Amino acid sequence: MIECIYLAEAKYLDGYRIFLRFNDGKSGIVDLKETVFRHTVASPLREPEAFSRFYLDSWPTLAWDCGFDVAPETLYEKCCVVNQNDQIIAVADKKS
């Protein structure tokens, strides 16, 4: 059986970085700067202050009032586990 991945918690850190905790217990930091600048629909989020105003939608996953959201599976794949000094110590495993 494939378990659905969704966000249990999200906290804005700085810039385009968000701390995430998933329903399976994995947690870490995702940097969405590249994603925000790649997609035209995300152009209203190119200022960090606007980016910081996300919410968890009904999936739940990250969403913004401009209509942009990021699938929880994508966040899971991009999420890196870091230590207290923000050094990457592991990249989250992809779900099969």
N, C-alpha and C. Protein backbone atom coordinates (compact mmCIF):
# COMPACT_ATOMS: atom_id res chain seq x y z
N MET A 1 0.84 -1.18 0.00
CA MET A 1 0.00 0.00 0.00
C MET A 1 0.89 1.24 0.00
N ILE A 2 0.55 2.21 -0.84
CA ILE A 2 1.29 3.46 -0.91
C ILE A 2 0.66 4.46 0.06
N GLU A 3 1.49 4.98 0.93
CA GLU A 3 1.03 5.97 1.91
C GLU A 3 1.03 7.35 1.27
N CYS A 4 -0.04 8.09 1.47
CA CYS A 4 -0.10 9.47 0.97
C CYS A 4 0.76 10.36 1.86
N ILE A 5 1.57 11.17 1.22
CA ILE A 5 2.41 12.11 1.94
C ILE A 5 1.70 13.46 2.00
N TYR A 6 1.68 14.06 3.17
CA TYR A 6 1.14 15.41 3.30
C TYR A 6 1.88 16.13 4.41
N LEU A 7 1.71 17.45 4.44
CA LEU A 7 2.39 18.26 5.44
C LEU A 7 1.63 18.26 6.76
N ALA A 8 2.37 18.07 7.83
CA ALA A 8 1.80 18.17 9.17
C ALA A 8 2.12 19.54 9.77
N GLU A 9 3.21 20.17 9.29
CA GLU A 9 3.64 21.46 9.83
C GLU A 9 4.52 22.18 8.82
N ALA A 10 4.42 23.49 8.78
CA ALA A 10 5.29 24.30 7.93
C ALA A 10 5.55 25.62 8.64
N LYS A 11 6.83 26.01 8.70
CA LYS A 11 7.21 27.27 9.35
C LYS A 11 8.18 28.02 8.45
N TYR A 12 7.88 29.28 8.20
CA TYR A 12 8.76 30.12 7.39
C TYR A 12 10.06 30.37 8.16
N LEU A 13 11.18 30.26 7.45
CA LEU A 13 12.49 30.52 8.06
C LEU A 13 13.05 31.86 7.59
N ASP A 14 13.42 31.92 6.32
CA ASP A 14 13.97 33.16 5.74
C ASP A 14 14.05 32.97 4.23
N GLY A 15 14.21 34.08 3.51
CA GLY A 15 14.33 33.99 2.06
C GLY A 15 13.21 33.16 1.46
N TYR A 16 13.58 32.04 0.88
CA TYR A 16 12.62 31.12 0.27
C TYR A 16 12.68 29.75 0.96
N ARG A 17 13.14 29.76 2.21
CA ARG A 17 13.30 28.51 2.95
C ARG A 17 12.17 28.33 3.96
N ILE A 18 11.69 27.09 4.00
CA ILE A 18 10.60 26.73 4.91
C ILE A 18 10.96 25.42 5.61
N PHE A 19 10.74 25.39 6.91
CA PHE A 19 10.87 24.14 7.65
C PHE A 19 9.58 23.34 7.44
N LEU A 20 9.72 22.05 7.12
CA LEU A 20 8.57 21.19 6.87
C LEU A 20 8.63 19.95 7.75
N ARG A 21 7.48 19.51 8.22
CA ARG A 21 7.35 18.21 8.88
C ARG A 21 6.21 17.48 8.19
N PHE A 22 6.48 16.25 7.78
CA PHE A 22 5.51 15.44 7.04
C PHE A 22 4.80 14.45 7.96
N ASN A 23 3.70 13.91 7.46
CA ASN A 23 2.89 12.98 8.25
C ASN A 23 3.63 11.69 8.61
N ASP A 24 4.69 11.34 7.89
CA ASP A 24 5.44 10.13 8.22
C ASP A 24 6.58 10.40 9.19
N GLY A 25 6.68 11.65 9.69
CA GLY A 25 7.70 11.99 10.68
C GLY A 25 8.94 12.65 10.11
N LYS A 26 9.16 12.57 8.82
CA LYS A 26 10.32 13.23 8.23
C LYS A 26 10.17 14.74 8.37
N SER A 27 11.28 15.40 8.60
CA SER A 27 11.26 16.86 8.68
C SER A 27 12.58 17.39 8.14
N GLY A 28 12.55 18.64 7.73
CA GLY A 28 13.74 19.27 7.19
C GLY A 28 13.40 20.60 6.58
N ILE A 29 14.30 21.08 5.75
CA ILE A 29 14.15 22.40 5.15
C ILE A 29 14.10 22.28 3.64
N VAL A 30 13.21 23.06 3.06
CA VAL A 30 13.12 23.13 1.60
C VAL A 30 13.38 24.58 1.18
N ASP A 31 14.16 24.74 0.13
CA ASP A 31 14.42 26.07 -0.44
C ASP A 31 13.71 26.12 -1.79
N LEU A 32 12.70 26.98 -1.90
CA LEU A 32 11.87 27.03 -3.10
C LEU A 32 12.20 28.20 -4.02
N LYS A 33 13.34 28.82 -3.85
CA LYS A 33 13.69 29.97 -4.68
C LYS A 33 13.68 29.61 -6.16
N GLU A 34 14.32 28.53 -6.54
CA GLU A 34 14.37 28.12 -7.94
C GLU A 34 12.96 27.85 -8.48
N THR A 35 12.13 27.22 -7.69
CA THR A 35 10.76 26.92 -8.09
C THR A 35 9.95 28.19 -8.32
N VAL A 36 10.07 29.13 -7.41
CA VAL A 36 9.32 30.39 -7.50
C VAL A 36 9.73 31.18 -8.73
N PHE A 37 11.01 31.18 -9.07
CA PHE A 37 11.48 31.96 -10.21
C PHE A 37 11.30 31.22 -11.54
N ARG A 38 11.02 29.93 -11.50
CA ARG A 38 10.81 29.15 -12.72
C ARG A 38 9.38 29.25 -13.24
N HIS A 39 8.40 29.42 -12.36
CA HIS A 39 7.00 29.38 -12.74
C HIS A 39 6.38 30.78 -12.75
N THR A 40 5.80 31.17 -13.88
CA THR A 40 5.20 32.49 -14.02
C THR A 40 4.10 32.73 -13.00
N VAL A 41 3.29 31.73 -12.71
CA VAL A 41 2.19 31.90 -11.76
C VAL A 41 2.70 32.27 -10.37
N ALA A 42 3.96 31.95 -10.09
CA ALA A 42 4.55 32.26 -8.78
C ALA A 42 5.22 33.63 -8.75
N SER A 43 5.15 34.40 -9.83
CA SER A 43 5.84 35.69 -9.87
C SER A 43 5.46 36.64 -8.73
N PRO A 44 4.21 36.62 -8.21
CA PRO A 44 3.91 37.48 -7.06
C PRO A 44 4.69 37.11 -5.79
N LEU A 45 5.31 35.94 -5.79
CA LEU A 45 6.03 35.45 -4.60
C LEU A 45 7.53 35.70 -4.67
N ARG A 46 7.97 36.46 -5.64
CA ARG A 46 9.41 36.66 -5.82
C ARG A 46 10.02 37.62 -4.82
N GLU A 47 9.20 38.24 -4.03
CA GLU A 47 9.68 39.01 -2.88
C GLU A 47 9.50 38.12 -1.65
N PRO A 48 10.56 37.93 -0.86
CA PRO A 48 10.46 37.03 0.29
C PRO A 48 9.31 37.33 1.24
N GLU A 49 8.96 38.60 1.39
CA GLU A 49 7.86 38.94 2.30
C GLU A 49 6.54 38.36 1.80
N ALA A 50 6.30 38.43 0.50
CA ALA A 50 5.09 37.83 -0.09
C ALA A 50 5.16 36.31 -0.01
N PHE A 51 6.34 35.75 -0.27
CA PHE A 51 6.54 34.31 -0.20
C PHE A 51 6.21 33.77 1.19
N SER A 52 6.53 34.54 2.21
CA SER A 52 6.36 34.07 3.59
C SER A 52 4.90 33.92 3.99
N ARG A 53 3.96 34.44 3.20
CA ARG A 53 2.54 34.39 3.56
C ARG A 53 1.84 33.17 2.96
N PHE A 54 2.39 32.01 3.17
CA PHE A 54 1.77 30.76 2.70
C PHE A 54 0.81 30.24 3.75
N TYR A 55 0.05 29.25 3.36
CA TYR A 55 -0.83 28.54 4.30
C TYR A 55 -0.90 27.09 3.87
N LEU A 56 -1.40 26.24 4.73
CA LEU A 56 -1.62 24.83 4.38
C LEU A 56 -3.04 24.71 3.87
N ASP A 57 -3.18 24.20 2.64
CA ASP A 57 -4.51 24.07 2.06
C ASP A 57 -5.15 22.73 2.47
N SER A 58 -6.18 22.33 1.79
CA SER A 58 -6.95 21.14 2.19
C SER A 58 -6.23 19.82 1.93
N TRP A 59 -5.10 19.79 1.18
CA TRP A 59 -4.41 18.52 0.92
C TRP A 59 -3.81 17.90 2.17
N PRO A 60 -3.12 18.44 3.08
CA PRO A 60 -2.57 19.79 3.13
C PRO A 60 -1.19 19.87 2.49
N THR A 61 -0.98 20.97 1.77
CA THR A 61 0.31 21.32 1.21
C THR A 61 0.45 22.84 1.21
N LEU A 62 1.63 23.33 0.83
CA LEU A 62 1.86 24.78 0.80
C LEU A 62 1.07 25.42 -0.32
N ALA A 63 0.41 26.53 -0.02
CA ALA A 63 -0.34 27.28 -1.02
C ALA A 63 -0.26 28.76 -0.69
N TRP A 64 -0.49 29.57 -1.72
CA TRP A 64 -0.47 31.02 -1.58
C TRP A 64 -1.73 31.59 -2.21
N ASP A 65 -2.10 32.79 -1.80
CA ASP A 65 -3.31 33.43 -2.31
C ASP A 65 -3.30 33.68 -3.81
N CYS A 66 -2.12 33.77 -4.43
CA CYS A 66 -2.03 34.00 -5.87
C CYS A 66 -2.43 32.77 -6.68
N GLY A 67 -2.68 31.65 -6.01
CA GLY A 67 -3.08 30.42 -6.69
C GLY A 67 -1.96 29.41 -6.86
N PHE A 68 -0.75 29.77 -6.47
CA PHE A 68 0.39 28.85 -6.58
C PHE A 68 0.40 27.88 -5.41
N ASP A 69 0.69 26.62 -5.70
CA ASP A 69 0.91 25.64 -4.63
C ASP A 69 1.97 24.66 -5.09
N VAL A 70 2.47 23.87 -4.17
CA VAL A 70 3.49 22.88 -4.48
C VAL A 70 3.01 21.54 -3.92
N ALA A 71 2.98 20.53 -4.76
CA ALA A 71 2.51 19.21 -4.35
C ALA A 71 3.35 18.68 -3.18
N PRO A 72 2.70 18.01 -2.23
CA PRO A 72 3.45 17.50 -1.08
C PRO A 72 4.54 16.51 -1.49
N GLU A 73 4.32 15.75 -2.54
CA GLU A 73 5.34 14.80 -3.00
C GLU A 73 6.58 15.53 -3.51
N THR A 74 6.38 16.66 -4.18
CA THR A 74 7.50 17.47 -4.65
C THR A 74 8.27 18.04 -3.47
N LEU A 75 7.55 18.55 -2.48
CA LEU A 75 8.20 19.07 -1.28
C LEU A 75 8.99 17.99 -0.57
N TYR A 76 8.43 16.79 -0.50
CA TYR A 76 9.09 15.66 0.15
C TYR A 76 10.42 15.36 -0.53
N GLU A 77 10.41 15.37 -1.87
CA GLU A 77 11.63 15.08 -2.63
C GLU A 77 12.68 16.18 -2.46
N LYS A 78 12.25 17.43 -2.35
CA LYS A 78 13.17 18.56 -2.24
C LYS A 78 13.65 18.80 -0.81
N CYS A 79 12.98 18.23 0.16
CA CYS A 79 13.26 18.50 1.56
C CYS A 79 14.60 17.88 1.98
N CYS A 80 15.46 18.70 2.56
CA CYS A 80 16.77 18.25 3.04
C CYS A 80 16.79 18.28 4.55
N VAL A 81 17.36 17.26 5.15
CA VAL A 81 17.55 17.23 6.59
C VAL A 81 18.84 17.99 6.88
N VAL A 82 18.77 18.92 7.82
CA VAL A 82 19.93 19.74 8.14
C VAL A 82 20.24 19.67 9.63
N ASN A 83 21.48 20.00 9.96
CA ASN A 83 21.85 20.05 11.38
C ASN A 83 21.60 21.46 11.92
N GLN A 84 22.00 21.71 13.14
CA GLN A 84 21.75 23.00 13.79
C GLN A 84 22.48 24.16 13.11
N ASN A 85 23.50 23.86 12.32
CA ASN A 85 24.26 24.89 11.61
C ASN A 85 23.79 25.04 10.16
N ASP A 86 22.60 24.51 9.86
CA ASP A 86 22.02 24.55 8.51
C ASP A 86 22.88 23.84 7.46
N GLN A 87 23.66 22.87 7.88
CA GLN A 87 24.43 22.06 6.95
C GLN A 87 23.60 20.83 6.59
N ILE A 88 23.51 20.55 5.29
CA ILE A 88 22.73 19.39 4.84
C ILE A 88 23.42 18.12 5.33
N ILE A 89 22.65 17.27 5.99
CA ILE A 89 23.20 16.00 6.45
C ILE A 89 22.53 14.82 5.75
N ALA A 90 21.38 15.05 5.12
CA ALA A 90 20.71 13.98 4.37
C ALA A 90 19.65 14.59 3.48
N VAL A 91 19.43 13.97 2.36
CA VAL A 91 18.33 14.36 1.48
C VAL A 91 17.22 13.35 1.70
N ALA A 92 15.99 13.83 1.84
CA ALA A 92 14.86 12.94 2.10
C ALA A 92 14.76 11.91 0.99
N ASP A 93 14.48 10.66 1.37
CA ASP A 93 14.26 9.60 0.40
C ASP A 93 12.98 9.83 -0.36
N LYS A 94 13.00 9.45 -1.65
CA LYS A 94 11.77 9.51 -2.44
C LYS A 94 10.89 8.35 -2.05
N LYS A 95 9.59 8.59 -2.05
CA LYS A 95 8.63 7.51 -1.79
C LYS A 95 8.44 6.73 -3.08
N SER A 96 8.30 5.43 -2.97
CA SER A 96 8.05 4.59 -4.14
C SER A 96 6.56 4.44 -4.36
